[in-house]
Amino acid sequence: MLDNSPRGTICIEDIEMGMTRYIRKIITDRDIELFAEISTDHNPVHLDDDYARDTIFEGRIAHGMLTAGLISAVIGEQLPGHGTIYMSQNLKFLAPVRPGDLVYAEVKVVDMVIDKRRVKLDCRCEVNGENVLVGEAMVLAPSRKFD
């Protein structure tokens, strides 16, 4: 389930400090299986109930980078949106995401260098109001000057 937030592009000329965008998505078993297939990360903590039950997590968890991918979705689809280029991303994983969890992924503009088209974004993912991932991204935003 993805929410119906606006999609498209916000050019550097229209981005404002504090601007935020988000998505919500329920992480499914299929999401985890597809991510394992695409990434080739078949760690049994993600895929095997019996194995995962005996880990520190006491059950299966989603790949951390699957959760981080939701941040990429917000950046690539909403803020700044289509045409955005990732320059860097740092992440801190704070808690596991499990199959069935509703993840809220949000980015917020915290700094800009308009003449260089650079936008710094605070990034976070929450489950049930608890941060499961926090970080910061630097992106190159689209500009009307290059349309």
N, C-alpha and C. Protein backbone atom coordinates (compact mmCIF):
# COMPACT_ATOMS: atom_id res chain seq x y z
N MET A 1 0.84 -1.18 0.00
CA MET A 1 0.00 0.00 0.00
C MET A 1 0.88 1.24 0.00
N LEU A 2 0.90 1.96 -1.07
CA LEU A 2 1.57 3.25 -1.15
C LEU A 2 0.50 4.32 -1.03
N ASP A 3 0.84 5.43 -0.41
CA ASP A 3 -0.17 6.48 -0.34
C ASP A 3 -0.21 7.22 -1.67
N ASN A 4 -1.14 8.13 -1.80
CA ASN A 4 -1.33 8.86 -3.05
C ASN A 4 -0.75 10.26 -2.98
N SER A 5 0.43 10.42 -2.38
CA SER A 5 1.07 11.73 -2.33
C SER A 5 1.41 12.18 -3.75
N PRO A 6 1.55 13.51 -3.95
CA PRO A 6 1.83 14.00 -5.30
C PRO A 6 3.14 13.46 -5.84
N ARG A 7 3.16 13.18 -7.11
CA ARG A 7 4.36 12.69 -7.79
C ARG A 7 4.81 13.76 -8.78
N GLY A 8 6.05 13.63 -9.22
CA GLY A 8 6.54 14.55 -10.23
C GLY A 8 7.85 15.17 -9.82
N THR A 9 7.99 16.47 -10.03
CA THR A 9 9.25 17.16 -9.81
C THR A 9 9.01 18.50 -9.14
N ILE A 10 9.87 18.79 -8.16
CA ILE A 10 9.94 20.13 -7.59
C ILE A 10 11.34 20.64 -7.92
N CYS A 11 11.43 21.63 -8.78
CA CYS A 11 12.72 22.16 -9.21
C CYS A 11 13.38 22.94 -8.08
N ILE A 12 14.70 23.03 -8.14
CA ILE A 12 15.47 23.73 -7.12
C ILE A 12 14.93 25.13 -6.87
N GLU A 13 14.42 25.77 -7.92
CA GLU A 13 13.91 27.13 -7.78
C GLU A 13 12.66 27.21 -6.90
N ASP A 14 12.00 26.07 -6.67
CA ASP A 14 10.75 26.03 -5.90
C ASP A 14 10.87 25.32 -4.56
N ILE A 15 12.03 24.77 -4.27
CA ILE A 15 12.23 24.05 -3.01
C ILE A 15 12.43 25.08 -1.89
N GLU A 16 11.82 24.77 -0.74
CA GLU A 16 11.91 25.66 0.42
C GLU A 16 12.45 24.89 1.62
N MET A 17 13.16 25.60 2.49
CA MET A 17 13.64 25.00 3.73
C MET A 17 12.44 24.46 4.52
N GLY A 18 12.63 23.28 5.11
CA GLY A 18 11.58 22.67 5.91
C GLY A 18 10.54 21.90 5.12
N MET A 19 10.58 21.98 3.80
CA MET A 19 9.63 21.25 2.97
C MET A 19 9.78 19.75 3.24
N THR A 20 8.66 19.04 3.36
CA THR A 20 8.69 17.60 3.62
C THR A 20 7.78 16.86 2.65
N ARG A 21 8.10 15.62 2.42
CA ARG A 21 7.27 14.70 1.66
C ARG A 21 7.44 13.31 2.27
N TYR A 22 6.47 12.44 2.05
CA TYR A 22 6.51 11.12 2.66
C TYR A 22 5.72 10.12 1.82
N ILE A 23 5.96 8.85 2.14
CA ILE A 23 5.10 7.75 1.69
C ILE A 23 4.87 6.83 2.88
N ARG A 24 3.83 6.02 2.75
CA ARG A 24 3.56 4.93 3.69
C ARG A 24 3.46 3.65 2.87
N LYS A 25 4.06 2.59 3.40
CA LYS A 25 3.99 1.31 2.71
C LYS A 25 4.01 0.18 3.72
N ILE A 26 3.12 -0.79 3.52
CA ILE A 26 3.16 -2.02 4.31
C ILE A 26 4.19 -2.95 3.66
N ILE A 27 5.14 -3.42 4.46
CA ILE A 27 6.17 -4.34 3.96
C ILE A 27 5.59 -5.76 3.98
N THR A 28 5.58 -6.39 2.83
CA THR A 28 4.99 -7.71 2.69
C THR A 28 6.06 -8.79 2.55
N ASP A 29 5.66 -10.03 2.74
CA ASP A 29 6.56 -11.15 2.48
C ASP A 29 7.05 -11.09 1.03
N ARG A 30 6.16 -10.76 0.12
CA ARG A 30 6.55 -10.67 -1.29
C ARG A 30 7.61 -9.60 -1.51
N ASP A 31 7.48 -8.44 -0.85
CA ASP A 31 8.51 -7.40 -0.95
C ASP A 31 9.87 -7.95 -0.54
N ILE A 32 9.90 -8.65 0.59
CA ILE A 32 11.16 -9.20 1.11
C ILE A 32 11.73 -10.24 0.15
N GLU A 33 10.87 -11.11 -0.37
CA GLU A 33 11.33 -12.14 -1.31
C GLU A 33 11.87 -11.50 -2.59
N LEU A 34 11.16 -10.50 -3.11
CA LEU A 34 11.62 -9.82 -4.33
C LEU A 34 12.93 -9.08 -4.09
N PHE A 35 13.06 -8.42 -2.93
CA PHE A 35 14.30 -7.72 -2.64
C PHE A 35 15.47 -8.71 -2.53
N ALA A 36 15.23 -9.85 -1.90
CA ALA A 36 16.27 -10.88 -1.81
C ALA A 36 16.69 -11.33 -3.20
N GLU A 37 15.71 -11.52 -4.07
CA GLU A 37 16.02 -11.95 -5.44
C GLU A 37 16.81 -10.89 -6.20
N ILE A 38 16.38 -9.65 -6.12
CA ILE A 38 17.03 -8.56 -6.85
C ILE A 38 18.43 -8.29 -6.30
N SER A 39 18.55 -8.25 -4.97
CA SER A 39 19.82 -7.88 -4.35
C SER A 39 20.79 -9.06 -4.24
N THR A 40 20.29 -10.25 -4.35
CA THR A 40 21.00 -11.52 -4.11
C THR A 40 21.38 -11.69 -2.64
N ASP A 41 20.72 -10.98 -1.74
CA ASP A 41 20.93 -11.13 -0.30
C ASP A 41 19.88 -12.09 0.24
N HIS A 42 20.27 -13.34 0.38
CA HIS A 42 19.36 -14.38 0.85
C HIS A 42 19.63 -14.77 2.30
N ASN A 43 20.07 -13.83 3.10
CA ASN A 43 20.31 -14.07 4.51
C ASN A 43 19.04 -14.67 5.12
N PRO A 44 19.17 -15.80 5.81
CA PRO A 44 17.97 -16.46 6.33
C PRO A 44 17.21 -15.65 7.39
N VAL A 45 17.83 -14.64 7.98
CA VAL A 45 17.09 -13.81 8.93
C VAL A 45 15.93 -13.09 8.24
N HIS A 46 16.02 -12.98 6.91
CA HIS A 46 14.95 -12.35 6.13
C HIS A 46 13.94 -13.35 5.57
N LEU A 47 14.36 -14.60 5.39
CA LEU A 47 13.57 -15.53 4.60
C LEU A 47 13.13 -16.81 5.31
N ASP A 48 13.77 -17.15 6.40
CA ASP A 48 13.53 -18.45 7.05
C ASP A 48 13.01 -18.23 8.47
N ASP A 49 11.73 -18.53 8.69
CA ASP A 49 11.10 -18.32 10.01
C ASP A 49 11.84 -19.09 11.11
N ASP A 50 12.16 -20.35 10.87
CA ASP A 50 12.81 -21.17 11.90
C ASP A 50 14.17 -20.60 12.27
N TYR A 51 14.95 -20.25 11.28
CA TYR A 51 16.27 -19.67 11.54
C TYR A 51 16.13 -18.34 12.29
N ALA A 52 15.26 -17.47 11.79
CA ALA A 52 15.13 -16.11 12.34
C ALA A 52 14.62 -16.10 13.78
N ARG A 53 13.82 -17.10 14.13
CA ARG A 53 13.27 -17.19 15.49
C ARG A 53 14.38 -17.29 16.54
N ASP A 54 15.51 -17.89 16.14
CA ASP A 54 16.63 -18.10 17.07
C ASP A 54 17.66 -16.98 17.02
N THR A 55 17.34 -15.86 16.40
CA THR A 55 18.27 -14.72 16.33
C THR A 55 17.88 -13.66 17.36
N ILE A 56 18.67 -12.66 17.47
CA ILE A 56 18.40 -11.53 18.36
C ILE A 56 17.05 -10.88 18.06
N PHE A 57 16.58 -11.01 16.81
CA PHE A 57 15.32 -10.39 16.39
C PHE A 57 14.10 -11.24 16.72
N GLU A 58 14.31 -12.50 17.03
CA GLU A 58 13.24 -13.44 17.39
C GLU A 58 12.16 -13.53 16.31
N GLY A 59 12.57 -13.43 15.07
CA GLY A 59 11.66 -13.54 13.95
C GLY A 59 12.24 -12.86 12.72
N ARG A 60 11.60 -13.10 11.60
CA ARG A 60 12.08 -12.54 10.33
C ARG A 60 11.98 -11.03 10.32
N ILE A 61 12.94 -10.41 9.62
CA ILE A 61 12.94 -8.96 9.44
C ILE A 61 13.19 -8.65 7.97
N ALA A 62 12.76 -7.47 7.58
CA ALA A 62 13.03 -7.00 6.23
C ALA A 62 14.50 -6.57 6.12
N HIS A 63 15.02 -6.62 4.93
CA HIS A 63 16.36 -6.10 4.66
C HIS A 63 16.38 -4.61 5.03
N GLY A 64 17.43 -4.17 5.68
CA GLY A 64 17.54 -2.75 6.00
C GLY A 64 17.50 -1.88 4.76
N MET A 65 18.11 -2.35 3.69
CA MET A 65 18.14 -1.55 2.46
C MET A 65 16.79 -1.53 1.75
N LEU A 66 15.94 -2.49 2.04
CA LEU A 66 14.56 -2.43 1.53
C LEU A 66 13.86 -1.23 2.17
N THR A 67 14.01 -1.11 3.48
CA THR A 67 13.44 0.04 4.18
C THR A 67 14.06 1.34 3.66
N ALA A 68 15.37 1.36 3.50
CA ALA A 68 16.05 2.56 2.99
C ALA A 68 15.56 2.90 1.58
N GLY A 69 15.17 1.91 0.83
CA GLY A 69 14.65 2.15 -0.52
C GLY A 69 13.41 3.02 -0.52
N LEU A 70 12.67 3.02 0.58
CA LEU A 70 11.50 3.89 0.66
C LEU A 70 11.91 5.35 0.70
N ILE A 71 13.05 5.63 1.33
CA ILE A 71 13.60 7.00 1.30
C ILE A 71 13.92 7.38 -0.14
N SER A 72 14.55 6.48 -0.87
CA SER A 72 14.86 6.72 -2.28
C SER A 72 13.60 6.99 -3.08
N ALA A 73 12.52 6.27 -2.75
CA ALA A 73 11.26 6.48 -3.46
C ALA A 73 10.71 7.88 -3.23
N VAL A 74 10.78 8.36 -1.99
CA VAL A 74 10.29 9.71 -1.71
C VAL A 74 11.14 10.73 -2.47
N ILE A 75 12.46 10.56 -2.44
CA ILE A 75 13.35 11.49 -3.13
C ILE A 75 13.13 11.45 -4.63
N GLY A 76 13.03 10.27 -5.20
CA GLY A 76 12.92 10.12 -6.65
C GLY A 76 11.56 10.44 -7.22
N GLU A 77 10.53 10.34 -6.39
CA GLU A 77 9.16 10.58 -6.88
C GLU A 77 8.55 11.89 -6.43
N GLN A 78 9.04 12.46 -5.32
CA GLN A 78 8.35 13.61 -4.74
C GLN A 78 9.23 14.81 -4.42
N LEU A 79 10.35 14.60 -3.70
CA LEU A 79 11.15 15.73 -3.23
C LEU A 79 12.62 15.42 -3.32
N PRO A 80 13.29 15.94 -4.32
CA PRO A 80 12.80 16.82 -5.37
C PRO A 80 11.98 16.13 -6.46
N GLY A 81 12.13 14.83 -6.63
CA GLY A 81 11.31 14.13 -7.61
C GLY A 81 12.07 13.72 -8.85
N HIS A 82 11.34 13.54 -9.92
CA HIS A 82 11.90 13.03 -11.17
C HIS A 82 13.08 13.89 -11.63
N GLY A 83 14.16 13.22 -12.01
CA GLY A 83 15.36 13.92 -12.45
C GLY A 83 16.38 14.18 -11.36
N THR A 84 16.03 13.86 -10.12
CA THR A 84 16.96 14.05 -9.00
C THR A 84 18.09 13.04 -9.09
N ILE A 85 19.30 13.48 -8.74
CA ILE A 85 20.47 12.61 -8.72
C ILE A 85 20.99 12.52 -7.29
N TYR A 86 21.13 11.28 -6.79
CA TYR A 86 21.71 11.05 -5.47
C TYR A 86 23.19 11.41 -5.51
N MET A 87 23.68 12.13 -4.51
CA MET A 87 25.10 12.39 -4.36
C MET A 87 25.67 11.59 -3.18
N SER A 88 24.91 11.53 -2.09
CA SER A 88 25.35 10.74 -0.94
C SER A 88 24.16 10.44 -0.04
N GLN A 89 24.34 9.42 0.79
CA GLN A 89 23.31 9.02 1.75
C GLN A 89 24.02 8.38 2.93
N ASN A 90 23.66 8.78 4.14
CA ASN A 90 24.11 8.03 5.31
C ASN A 90 22.87 7.56 6.05
N LEU A 91 23.01 6.42 6.68
CA LEU A 91 21.86 5.79 7.33
C LEU A 91 22.28 5.19 8.66
N LYS A 92 21.37 5.23 9.61
CA LYS A 92 21.55 4.51 10.86
C LYS A 92 20.28 3.69 11.09
N PHE A 93 20.46 2.39 11.22
CA PHE A 93 19.34 1.48 11.43
C PHE A 93 19.13 1.32 12.93
N LEU A 94 17.95 1.67 13.41
CA LEU A 94 17.68 1.72 14.84
C LEU A 94 16.84 0.56 15.35
N ALA A 95 16.01 0.01 14.51
CA ALA A 95 15.12 -1.08 14.92
C ALA A 95 14.71 -1.87 13.68
N PRO A 96 14.34 -3.14 13.87
CA PRO A 96 13.96 -3.96 12.72
C PRO A 96 12.58 -3.59 12.17
N VAL A 97 12.42 -3.87 10.89
CA VAL A 97 11.12 -3.78 10.22
C VAL A 97 10.72 -5.22 9.90
N ARG A 98 9.49 -5.56 10.23
CA ARG A 98 9.02 -6.93 10.07
C ARG A 98 7.95 -7.01 8.98
N PRO A 99 7.76 -8.19 8.42
CA PRO A 99 6.65 -8.35 7.47
C PRO A 99 5.35 -7.91 8.13
N GLY A 100 4.57 -7.13 7.39
CA GLY A 100 3.30 -6.63 7.90
C GLY A 100 3.39 -5.24 8.51
N ASP A 101 4.61 -4.75 8.78
CA ASP A 101 4.76 -3.41 9.35
C ASP A 101 4.40 -2.34 8.33
N LEU A 102 3.73 -1.30 8.80
CA LEU A 102 3.46 -0.11 8.00
C LEU A 102 4.60 0.86 8.26
N VAL A 103 5.39 1.14 7.21
CA VAL A 103 6.52 2.05 7.32
C VAL A 103 6.12 3.42 6.79
N TYR A 104 6.42 4.43 7.57
CA TYR A 104 6.25 5.83 7.18
C TYR A 104 7.65 6.35 6.89
N ALA A 105 7.91 6.74 5.63
CA ALA A 105 9.22 7.24 5.21
C ALA A 105 9.08 8.70 4.83
N GLU A 106 9.92 9.53 5.42
CA GLU A 106 9.82 10.98 5.22
C GLU A 106 11.19 11.59 4.95
N VAL A 107 11.21 12.61 4.08
CA VAL A 107 12.39 13.43 3.89
C VAL A 107 12.02 14.89 4.13
N LYS A 108 13.00 15.64 4.65
CA LYS A 108 12.78 17.05 4.98
C LYS A 108 13.99 17.86 4.54
N VAL A 109 13.75 18.97 3.85
CA VAL A 109 14.82 19.85 3.39
C VAL A 109 15.41 20.58 4.59
N VAL A 110 16.74 20.41 4.78
CA VAL A 110 17.41 21.08 5.91
C VAL A 110 18.50 22.04 5.47
N ASP A 111 18.90 21.98 4.21
CA ASP A 111 19.91 22.91 3.69
C ASP A 111 19.88 22.88 2.17
N MET A 112 20.27 23.99 1.57
CA MET A 112 20.31 24.08 0.10
C MET A 112 21.48 24.96 -0.32
N VAL A 113 22.08 24.61 -1.45
CA VAL A 113 23.02 25.47 -2.15
C VAL A 113 22.42 25.64 -3.54
N ILE A 114 21.62 26.68 -3.69
CA ILE A 114 20.78 26.83 -4.87
C ILE A 114 21.60 26.91 -6.15
N ASP A 115 22.69 27.68 -6.16
CA ASP A 115 23.46 27.85 -7.40
C ASP A 115 24.14 26.55 -7.83
N LYS A 116 24.33 25.61 -6.90
CA LYS A 116 24.90 24.30 -7.25
C LYS A 116 23.82 23.22 -7.34
N ARG A 117 22.56 23.59 -7.08
CA ARG A 117 21.40 22.69 -7.14
C ARG A 117 21.46 21.58 -6.10
N ARG A 118 22.19 21.80 -5.01
CA ARG A 118 22.33 20.78 -3.97
C ARG A 118 21.29 20.98 -2.88
N VAL A 119 20.71 19.86 -2.47
CA VAL A 119 19.70 19.87 -1.41
C VAL A 119 20.08 18.80 -0.40
N LYS A 120 20.17 19.22 0.87
CA LYS A 120 20.42 18.27 1.96
C LYS A 120 19.08 17.94 2.60
N LEU A 121 18.84 16.65 2.79
CA LEU A 121 17.57 16.15 3.31
C LEU A 121 17.79 15.30 4.56
N ASP A 122 17.06 15.61 5.62
CA ASP A 122 16.97 14.68 6.73
C ASP A 122 16.01 13.58 6.31
N CYS A 123 16.36 12.34 6.63
CA CYS A 123 15.57 11.19 6.21
C CYS A 123 15.24 10.34 7.43
N ARG A 124 14.01 9.81 7.46
CA ARG A 124 13.65 8.90 8.55
C ARG A 124 12.55 7.96 8.09
N CYS A 125 12.57 6.80 8.72
CA CYS A 125 11.48 5.83 8.57
C CYS A 125 11.00 5.47 9.97
N GLU A 126 9.68 5.37 10.10
CA GLU A 126 9.05 5.02 11.37
C GLU A 126 8.14 3.83 11.20
N VAL A 127 8.00 3.07 12.28
CA VAL A 127 6.98 2.04 12.41
C VAL A 127 6.30 2.28 13.75
N ASN A 128 5.00 2.45 13.73
CA ASN A 128 4.22 2.72 14.95
C ASN A 128 4.79 3.90 15.74
N GLY A 129 5.21 4.95 15.03
CA GLY A 129 5.72 6.15 15.68
C GLY A 129 7.14 6.06 16.19
N GLU A 130 7.80 4.92 15.99
CA GLU A 130 9.18 4.71 16.45
C GLU A 130 10.12 4.79 15.25
N ASN A 131 11.19 5.59 15.36
CA ASN A 131 12.18 5.64 14.30
C ASN A 131 12.86 4.29 14.16
N VAL A 132 12.87 3.75 12.95
CA VAL A 132 13.59 2.51 12.67
C VAL A 132 14.83 2.78 11.81
N LEU A 133 14.86 3.96 11.19
CA LEU A 133 15.97 4.36 10.33
C LEU A 133 16.03 5.88 10.34
N VAL A 134 17.23 6.43 10.48
CA VAL A 134 17.43 7.87 10.34
C VAL A 134 18.68 8.09 9.49
N GLY A 135 18.75 9.25 8.86
CA GLY A 135 19.92 9.55 8.05
C GLY A 135 19.80 10.88 7.37
N GLU A 136 20.70 11.07 6.43
CA GLU A 136 20.78 12.33 5.71
C GLU A 136 21.19 12.03 4.28
N ALA A 137 20.59 12.73 3.35
CA ALA A 137 20.93 12.57 1.93
C ALA A 137 21.33 13.92 1.35
N MET A 138 22.25 13.88 0.39
CA MET A 138 22.57 15.05 -0.41
C MET A 138 22.22 14.69 -1.85
N VAL A 139 21.41 15.55 -2.48
CA VAL A 139 20.98 15.27 -3.84
C VAL A 139 21.20 16.49 -4.73
N LEU A 140 21.27 16.22 -6.01
CA LEU A 140 21.31 17.25 -7.04
C LEU A 140 19.90 17.37 -7.59
N ALA A 141 19.29 18.53 -7.36
CA ALA A 141 17.89 18.72 -7.75
C ALA A 141 17.78 19.18 -9.20
N PRO A 142 16.67 18.83 -9.84
CA PRO A 142 16.41 19.34 -11.19
C PRO A 142 16.23 20.86 -11.15
N SER A 143 16.42 21.47 -12.31
CA SER A 143 16.25 22.92 -12.44
C SER A 143 15.51 23.24 -13.73
N ARG A 144 14.68 24.25 -13.69
CA ARG A 144 14.01 24.69 -14.91
C ARG A 144 15.02 25.21 -15.93
N LYS A 145 16.19 25.64 -15.50
CA LYS A 145 17.20 26.15 -16.42
C LYS A 145 17.70 25.09 -17.37
N PHE A 146 17.50 23.80 -17.01
CA PHE A 146 17.99 22.70 -17.83
C PHE A 146 16.87 21.95 -18.54
N ASP A 147 15.65 22.50 -18.50
CA ASP A 147 14.52 21.85 -19.18
C ASP A 147 14.61 22.05 -20.68
